[in-house]
Amino acid sequence: QEISTDLFNDDLYPTRYFEVQRNLVSNDVEVS
């Protein structure tokens, strides 16, 4: 299932950590 949300980083935290981990995102959330 999908959902719409506005709960995400908006200059609250540095972005580098999220950018590095984004390389491991896939269709399977658990495996990612």
All heavy atoms as atom14 arrays in JSON, in Angstrom:
{
  "sequence": "QEISTDLFNDDLYPTRYFEVQRNLVSNDVEVS",
  "atom14_mask": [
    [1, 1, 1, 1, 1, 1, 1, 1, 1, 0, 0, 0, 0, 0],
    [1, 1, 1, 1, 1, 1, 1, 1, 1, 0, 0, 0, 0, 0],
    [1, 1, 1, 1, 1, 1, 1, 1, 0, 0, 0, 0, 0, 0],
    [1, 1, 1, 1, 1, 1, 0, 0, 0, 0, 0, 0, 0, 0],
    [1, 1, 1, 1, 1, 1, 1, 0, 0, 0, 0, 0, 0, 0],
    [1, 1, 1, 1, 1, 1, 1, 1, 0, 0, 0, 0, 0, 0],
    [1, 1, 1, 1, 1, 1, 1, 1, 0, 0, 0, 0, 0, 0],
    [1, 1, 1, 1, 1, 1, 1, 1, 1, 1, 1, 0, 0, 0],
    [1, 1, 1, 1, 1, 1, 1, 1, 0, 0, 0, 0, 0, 0],
    [1, 1, 1, 1, 1, 1, 1, 1, 0, 0, 0, 0, 0, 0],
    [1, 1, 1, 1, 1, 1, 1, 1, 0, 0, 0, 0, 0, 0],
    [1, 1, 1, 1, 1, 1, 1, 1, 0, 0, 0, 0, 0, 0],
    [1, 1, 1, 1, 1, 1, 1, 1, 1, 1, 1, 1, 0, 0],
    [1, 1, 1, 1, 1, 1, 1, 0, 0, 0, 0, 0, 0, 0],
    [1, 1, 1, 1, 1, 1, 1, 0, 0, 0, 0, 0, 0, 0],
    [1, 1, 1, 1, 1, 1, 1, 1, 1, 1, 1, 0, 0, 0],
    [1, 1, 1, 1, 1, 1, 1, 1, 1, 1, 1, 1, 0, 0],
    [1, 1, 1, 1, 1, 1, 1, 1, 1, 1, 1, 0, 0, 0],
    [1, 1, 1, 1, 1, 1, 1, 1, 1, 0, 0, 0, 0, 0],
    [1, 1, 1, 1, 1, 1, 1, 0, 0, 0, 0, 0, 0, 0],
    [1, 1, 1, 1, 1, 1, 1, 1, 1, 0, 0, 0, 0, 0],
    [1, 1, 1, 1, 1, 1, 1, 1, 1, 1, 1, 0, 0, 0],
    [1, 1, 1, 1, 1, 1, 1, 1, 0, 0, 0, 0, 0, 0],
    [1, 1, 1, 1, 1, 1, 1, 1, 0, 0, 0, 0, 0, 0],
    [1, 1, 1, 1, 1, 1, 1, 0, 0, 0, 0, 0, 0, 0],
    [1, 1, 1, 1, 1, 1, 0, 0, 0, 0, 0, 0, 0, 0],
    [1, 1, 1, 1, 1, 1, 1, 1, 0, 0, 0, 0, 0, 0],
    [1, 1, 1, 1, 1, 1, 1, 1, 0, 0, 0, 0, 0, 0],
    [1, 1, 1, 1, 1, 1, 1, 0, 0, 0, 0, 0, 0, 0],
    [1, 1, 1, 1, 1, 1, 1, 1, 1, 0, 0, 0, 0, 0],
    [1, 1, 1, 1, 1, 1, 1, 0, 0, 0, 0, 0, 0, 0],
    [1, 1, 1, 1, 1, 1, 0, 0, 0, 0, 0, 0, 0, 0]
  ],
  "atom14_positions": [
    [[0.83, -1.2, 0.0], [0.0, 0.0, 0.0], [0.87, 1.25, 0.0], [2.02, 1.24, 0.41], [-0.91, 0.0, 1.22], [-1.91, -1.15, 1.26], [-2.82, -1.06, 2.46], [-3.15, 0.03, 2.94], [-3.25, -2.21, 2.97], [0.0, 0.0, 0.0], [0.0, 0.0, 0.0], [0.0, 0.0, 0.0], [0.0, 0.0, 0.0], [0.0, 0.0, 0.0]],
    [[0.29, 2.34, -0.48], [0.99, 3.64, -0.51], [0.22, 4.66, 0.31], [-0.96, 4.49, 0.62], [1.14, 4.13, -1.94], [2.11, 3.32, -2.78], [2.32, 3.91, -4.15], [1.35, 4.5, -4.7], [3.43, 3.81, -4.68], [0.0, 0.0, 0.0], [0.0, 0.0, 0.0], [0.0, 0.0, 0.0], [0.0, 0.0, 0.0], [0.0, 0.0, 0.0]],
    [[0.9, 5.74, 0.64], [0.29, 6.81, 1.42], [0.95, 8.14, 1.06], [2.1, 8.18, 0.61], [0.44, 6.52, 2.94], [-0.46, 7.44, 3.76], [1.9, 6.69, 3.37], [-0.47, 7.09, 5.25], [0.0, 0.0, 0.0], [0.0, 0.0, 0.0], [0.0, 0.0, 0.0], [0.0, 0.0, 0.0], [0.0, 0.0, 0.0], [0.0, 0.0, 0.0]],
    [[0.22, 9.2, 1.27], [0.75, 10.55, 1.06], [1.13, 11.14, 2.42], [0.35, 11.08, 3.37], [-0.31, 11.43, 0.39], [0.14, 12.77, 0.29], [0.0, 0.0, 0.0], [0.0, 0.0, 0.0], [0.0, 0.0, 0.0], [0.0, 0.0, 0.0], [0.0, 0.0, 0.0], [0.0, 0.0, 0.0], [0.0, 0.0, 0.0], [0.0, 0.0, 0.0]],
    [[2.33, 11.68, 2.51], [2.8, 12.24, 3.78], [3.66, 13.47, 3.56], [4.33, 13.59, 2.52], [3.61, 11.18, 4.57], [4.05, 11.76, 5.81], [4.82, 10.72, 3.8], [0.0, 0.0, 0.0], [0.0, 0.0, 0.0], [0.0, 0.0, 0.0], [0.0, 0.0, 0.0], [0.0, 0.0, 0.0], [0.0, 0.0, 0.0], [0.0, 0.0, 0.0]],
    [[3.65, 14.37, 4.51], [4.53, 15.55, 4.47], [5.57, 15.48, 5.58], [6.22, 16.47, 5.91], [3.72, 16.84, 4.59], [2.88, 16.9, 5.85], [2.93, 15.94, 6.65], [2.15, 17.89, 6.04], [0.0, 0.0, 0.0], [0.0, 0.0, 0.0], [0.0, 0.0, 0.0], [0.0, 0.0, 0.0], [0.0, 0.0, 0.0], [0.0, 0.0, 0.0]],
    [[5.72, 14.28, 6.16], [6.69, 14.1, 7.24], [8.02, 13.63, 6.65], [8.29, 12.44, 6.54], [6.17, 13.06, 8.25], [7.02, 12.85, 9.5], [7.05, 14.11, 10.37], [6.5, 11.66, 10.32], [0.0, 0.0, 0.0], [0.0, 0.0, 0.0], [0.0, 0.0, 0.0], [0.0, 0.0, 0.0], [0.0, 0.0, 0.0], [0.0, 0.0, 0.0]],
    [[8.85, 14.59, 6.24], [10.18, 14.25, 5.73], [11.12, 15.43, 6.0], [10.69, 16.51, 6.36], [10.14, 13.91, 4.24], [9.58, 15.0, 3.36], [10.4, 15.98, 2.81], [8.21, 15.05, 3.08], [9.88, 16.97, 2.0], [7.68, 16.05, 2.27], [8.51, 17.01, 1.73], [0.0, 0.0, 0.0], [0.0, 0.0, 0.0], [0.0, 0.0, 0.0]],
    [[12.42, 15.18, 5.82], [13.43, 16.18, 6.16], [13.32, 17.42, 5.29], [13.39, 17.35, 4.07], [14.83, 15.56, 6.01], [15.92, 16.51, 6.5], [15.78, 17.13, 7.54], [17.0, 16.6, 5.74], [0.0, 0.0, 0.0], [0.0, 0.0, 0.0], [0.0, 0.0, 0.0], [0.0, 0.0, 0.0], [0.0, 0.0, 0.0], [0.0, 0.0, 0.0]],
    [[13.16, 18.54, 5.94], [13.11, 19.82, 5.24], [14.08, 20.78, 5.92], [13.69, 21.69, 6.64], [11.68, 20.36, 5.26], [11.52, 21.62, 4.41], [12.42, 21.89, 3.58], [10.54, 22.35, 4.6], [0.0, 0.0, 0.0], [0.0, 0.0, 0.0], [0.0, 0.0, 0.0], [0.0, 0.0, 0.0], [0.0, 0.0, 0.0], [0.0, 0.0, 0.0]],
    [[15.37, 20.51, 5.71], [16.46, 21.3, 6.29], [16.53, 21.2, 7.81], [17.2, 22.01, 8.46], [16.35, 22.78, 5.89], [16.52, 22.98, 4.4], [17.27, 22.2, 3.78], [15.87, 23.89, 3.84], [0.0, 0.0, 0.0], [0.0, 0.0, 0.0], [0.0, 0.0, 0.0], [0.0, 0.0, 0.0], [0.0, 0.0, 0.0], [0.0, 0.0, 0.0]],
    [[15.84, 20.2, 8.39], [15.93, 20.01, 9.83], [17.22, 19.27, 10.2], [17.85, 19.57, 11.22], [14.71, 19.22, 10.34], [14.62, 18.99, 11.85], [14.51, 20.32, 12.58], [13.4, 18.11, 12.18], [0.0, 0.0, 0.0], [0.0, 0.0, 0.0], [0.0, 0.0, 0.0], [0.0, 0.0, 0.0], [0.0, 0.0, 0.0], [0.0, 0.0, 0.0]],
    [[17.63, 18.32, 9.38], [18.85, 17.55, 9.57], [19.74, 17.68, 8.34], [19.25, 17.99, 7.25], [18.52, 16.06, 9.79], [17.83, 15.74, 11.08], [16.44, 15.7, 11.16], [18.57, 15.49, 12.24], [15.8, 15.39, 12.36], [17.93, 15.18, 13.44], [16.55, 15.14, 13.49], [15.92, 14.86, 14.67], [0.0, 0.0, 0.0], [0.0, 0.0, 0.0]],
    [[21.04, 17.44, 8.48], [21.91, 17.41, 7.3], [21.42, 16.34, 6.31], [20.88, 15.3, 6.71], [23.28, 17.04, 7.88], [23.21, 17.43, 9.32], [21.79, 17.24, 9.74], [0.0, 0.0, 0.0], [0.0, 0.0, 0.0], [0.0, 0.0, 0.0], [0.0, 0.0, 0.0], [0.0, 0.0, 0.0], [0.0, 0.0, 0.0], [0.0, 0.0, 0.0]],
    [[21.62, 16.57, 5.04], [21.06, 15.67, 4.02], [21.99, 14.53, 3.63], [21.56, 13.57, 3.01], [20.72, 16.47, 2.75], [21.93, 17.08, 2.24], [19.7, 17.55, 3.04], [0.0, 0.0, 0.0], [0.0, 0.0, 0.0], [0.0, 0.0, 0.0], [0.0, 0.0, 0.0], [0.0, 0.0, 0.0], [0.0, 0.0, 0.0], [0.0, 0.0, 0.0]],
    [[23.27, 14.6, 3.98], [24.24, 13.62, 3.49], [23.9, 12.2, 3.93], [23.98, 11.27, 3.13], [25.65, 13.99, 3.99], [26.75, 13.06, 3.5], [26.89, 13.1, 1.99], [27.23, 14.43, 1.51], [27.24, 14.79, 0.23], [26.89, 13.9, -0.7], [27.56, 16.01, -0.11], [0.0, 0.0, 0.0], [0.0, 0.0, 0.0], [0.0, 0.0, 0.0]],
    [[23.49, 12.03, 5.17], [23.14, 10.69, 5.66], [22.02, 10.1, 4.82], [22.09, 8.94, 4.4], [22.74, 10.77, 7.12], [22.25, 9.45, 7.69], [23.16, 8.45, 8.06], [20.89, 9.19, 7.84], [22.72, 7.24, 8.57], [20.44, 7.98, 8.36], [21.36, 7.01, 8.71], [20.92, 5.81, 9.21], [0.0, 0.0, 0.0], [0.0, 0.0, 0.0]],
    [[20.99, 10.88, 4.57], [19.85, 10.39, 3.79], [20.26, 10.08, 2.35], [19.78, 9.1, 1.76], [18.72, 11.42, 3.8], [18.27, 11.81, 5.18], [18.36, 13.13, 5.61], [17.75, 10.87, 6.06], [17.95, 13.49, 6.88], [17.33, 11.22, 7.33], [17.43, 12.54, 7.75], [0.0, 0.0, 0.0], [0.0, 0.0, 0.0], [0.0, 0.0, 0.0]],
    [[21.13, 10.89, 1.8], [21.56, 10.67, 0.41], [22.37, 9.38, 0.25], [22.22, 8.67, -0.74], [22.39, 11.88, -0.06], [21.57, 13.15, -0.22], [22.44, 14.38, -0.42], [23.69, 14.24, -0.34], [21.88, 15.47, -0.63], [0.0, 0.0, 0.0], [0.0, 0.0, 0.0], [0.0, 0.0, 0.0], [0.0, 0.0, 0.0], [0.0, 0.0, 0.0]],
    [[23.23, 9.09, 1.23], [24.01, 7.85, 1.18], [23.08, 6.64, 1.27], [23.19, 5.7, 0.47], [25.06, 7.83, 2.32], [25.71, 6.44, 2.4], [26.12, 8.89, 2.08], [0.0, 0.0, 0.0], [0.0, 0.0, 0.0], [0.0, 0.0, 0.0], [0.0, 0.0, 0.0], [0.0, 0.0, 0.0], [0.0, 0.0, 0.0], [0.0, 0.0, 0.0]],
    [[22.16, 6.66, 2.21], [21.25, 5.52, 2.39], [20.28, 5.37, 1.23], [19.81, 4.26, 0.94], [20.47, 5.68, 3.71], [21.32, 5.72, 4.96], [21.9, 4.36, 5.33], [21.97, 3.45, 4.5], [22.34, 4.21, 6.57], [0.0, 0.0, 0.0], [0.0, 0.0, 0.0], [0.0, 0.0, 0.0], [0.0, 0.0, 0.0], [0.0, 0.0, 0.0]],
    [[20.01, 6.46, 0.51], [19.06, 6.39, -0.61], [19.55, 5.47, -1.73], [18.76, 4.95, -2.5], [18.79, 7.8, -1.15], [17.57, 7.89, -2.08], [17.22, 9.34, -2.37], [16.93, 10.04, -1.14], [17.47, 11.2, -0.8], [18.33, 11.8, -1.61], [17.16, 11.77, 0.34], [0.0, 0.0, 0.0], [0.0, 0.0, 0.0], [0.0, 0.0, 0.0]],
    [[20.85, 5.25, -1.8], [21.39, 4.35, -2.82], [20.96, 2.9, -2.61], [21.1, 2.07, -3.51], [22.92, 4.42, -2.82], [23.43, 5.78, -3.25], [23.0, 6.33, -4.27], [24.33, 6.36, -2.48], [0.0, 0.0, 0.0], [0.0, 0.0, 0.0], [0.0, 0.0, 0.0], [0.0, 0.0, 0.0], [0.0, 0.0, 0.0], [0.0, 0.0, 0.0]],
    [[20.45, 2.58, -1.41], [20.04, 1.21, -1.1], [18.53, 1.01, -1.18], [18.02, -0.06, -0.88], [20.53, 0.82, 0.31], [22.04, 0.87, 0.52], [22.39, 0.57, 1.97], [22.75, -0.11, -0.4], [0.0, 0.0, 0.0], [0.0, 0.0, 0.0], [0.0, 0.0, 0.0], [0.0, 0.0, 0.0], [0.0, 0.0, 0.0], [0.0, 0.0, 0.0]],
    [[17.81, 2.05, -1.58], [16.35, 1.96, -1.69], [15.96, 1.06, -2.85], [16.56, 1.12, -3.94], [15.74, 3.36, -1.87], [14.26, 3.27, -2.24], [15.92, 4.19, -0.61], [0.0, 0.0, 0.0], [0.0, 0.0, 0.0], [0.0, 0.0, 0.0], [0.0, 0.0, 0.0], [0.0, 0.0, 0.0], [0.0, 0.0, 0.0], [0.0, 0.0, 0.0]],
    [[14.96, 0.21, -2.63], [14.44, -0.68, -3.68], [12.93, -0.81, -3.49], [12.34, -0.18, -2.61], [15.11, -2.05, -3.62], [14.74, -2.74, -2.44], [0.0, 0.0, 0.0], [0.0, 0.0, 0.0], [0.0, 0.0, 0.0], [0.0, 0.0, 0.0], [0.0, 0.0, 0.0], [0.0, 0.0, 0.0], [0.0, 0.0, 0.0], [0.0, 0.0, 0.0]],
    [[12.29, -1.67, -4.31], [10.85, -1.88, -4.2], [10.49, -2.63, -2.92], [9.36, -2.54, -2.44], [10.34, -2.66, -5.42], [10.38, -1.82, -6.68], [10.04, -0.64, -6.66], [10.81, -2.4, -7.78], [0.0, 0.0, 0.0], [0.0, 0.0, 0.0], [0.0, 0.0, 0.0], [0.0, 0.0, 0.0], [0.0, 0.0, 0.0], [0.0, 0.0, 0.0]],
    [[11.43, -3.4, -2.37], [11.19, -4.16, -1.15], [11.7, -3.35, 0.04], [12.91, -3.25, 0.26], [11.9, -5.51, -1.23], [11.45, -6.47, -0.14], [11.25, -5.99, 1.0], [11.32, -7.67, -0.39], [0.0, 0.0, 0.0], [0.0, 0.0, 0.0], [0.0, 0.0, 0.0], [0.0, 0.0, 0.0], [0.0, 0.0, 0.0], [0.0, 0.0, 0.0]],
    [[10.77, -2.79, 0.8], [11.15, -1.91, 1.91], [11.93, -2.67, 2.97], [12.95, -2.18, 3.49], [9.9, -1.25, 2.54], [10.29, -0.42, 3.77], [9.19, -0.38, 1.52], [0.0, 0.0, 0.0], [0.0, 0.0, 0.0], [0.0, 0.0, 0.0], [0.0, 0.0, 0.0], [0.0, 0.0, 0.0], [0.0, 0.0, 0.0], [0.0, 0.0, 0.0]],
    [[11.51, -3.88, 3.32], [12.18, -4.65, 4.36], [13.63, -4.96, 3.99], [14.54, -4.77, 4.8], [11.42, -5.96, 4.61], [10.24, -5.8, 5.54], [9.8, -7.13, 6.11], [9.82, -8.14, 5.38], [9.43, -7.16, 7.29], [0.0, 0.0, 0.0], [0.0, 0.0, 0.0], [0.0, 0.0, 0.0], [0.0, 0.0, 0.0], [0.0, 0.0, 0.0]],
    [[13.85, -5.42, 2.77], [15.21, -5.74, 2.32], [16.07, -4.47, 2.3], [17.23, -4.49, 2.7], [15.2, -6.42, 0.94], [16.61, -6.57, 0.39], [14.52, -7.78, 1.02], [0.0, 0.0, 0.0], [0.0, 0.0, 0.0], [0.0, 0.0, 0.0], [0.0, 0.0, 0.0], [0.0, 0.0, 0.0], [0.0, 0.0, 0.0], [0.0, 0.0, 0.0]],
    [[15.49, -3.37, 1.84], [16.23, -2.1, 1.78], [16.65, -1.65, 3.18], [17.81, -1.25, 3.39], [15.36, -1.02, 1.13], [14.99, -1.37, -0.18], [0.0, 0.0, 0.0], [0.0, 0.0, 0.0], [0.0, 0.0, 0.0], [0.0, 0.0, 0.0], [0.0, 0.0, 0.0], [0.0, 0.0, 0.0], [0.0, 0.0, 0.0], [0.0, 0.0, 0.0]]
  ]
}
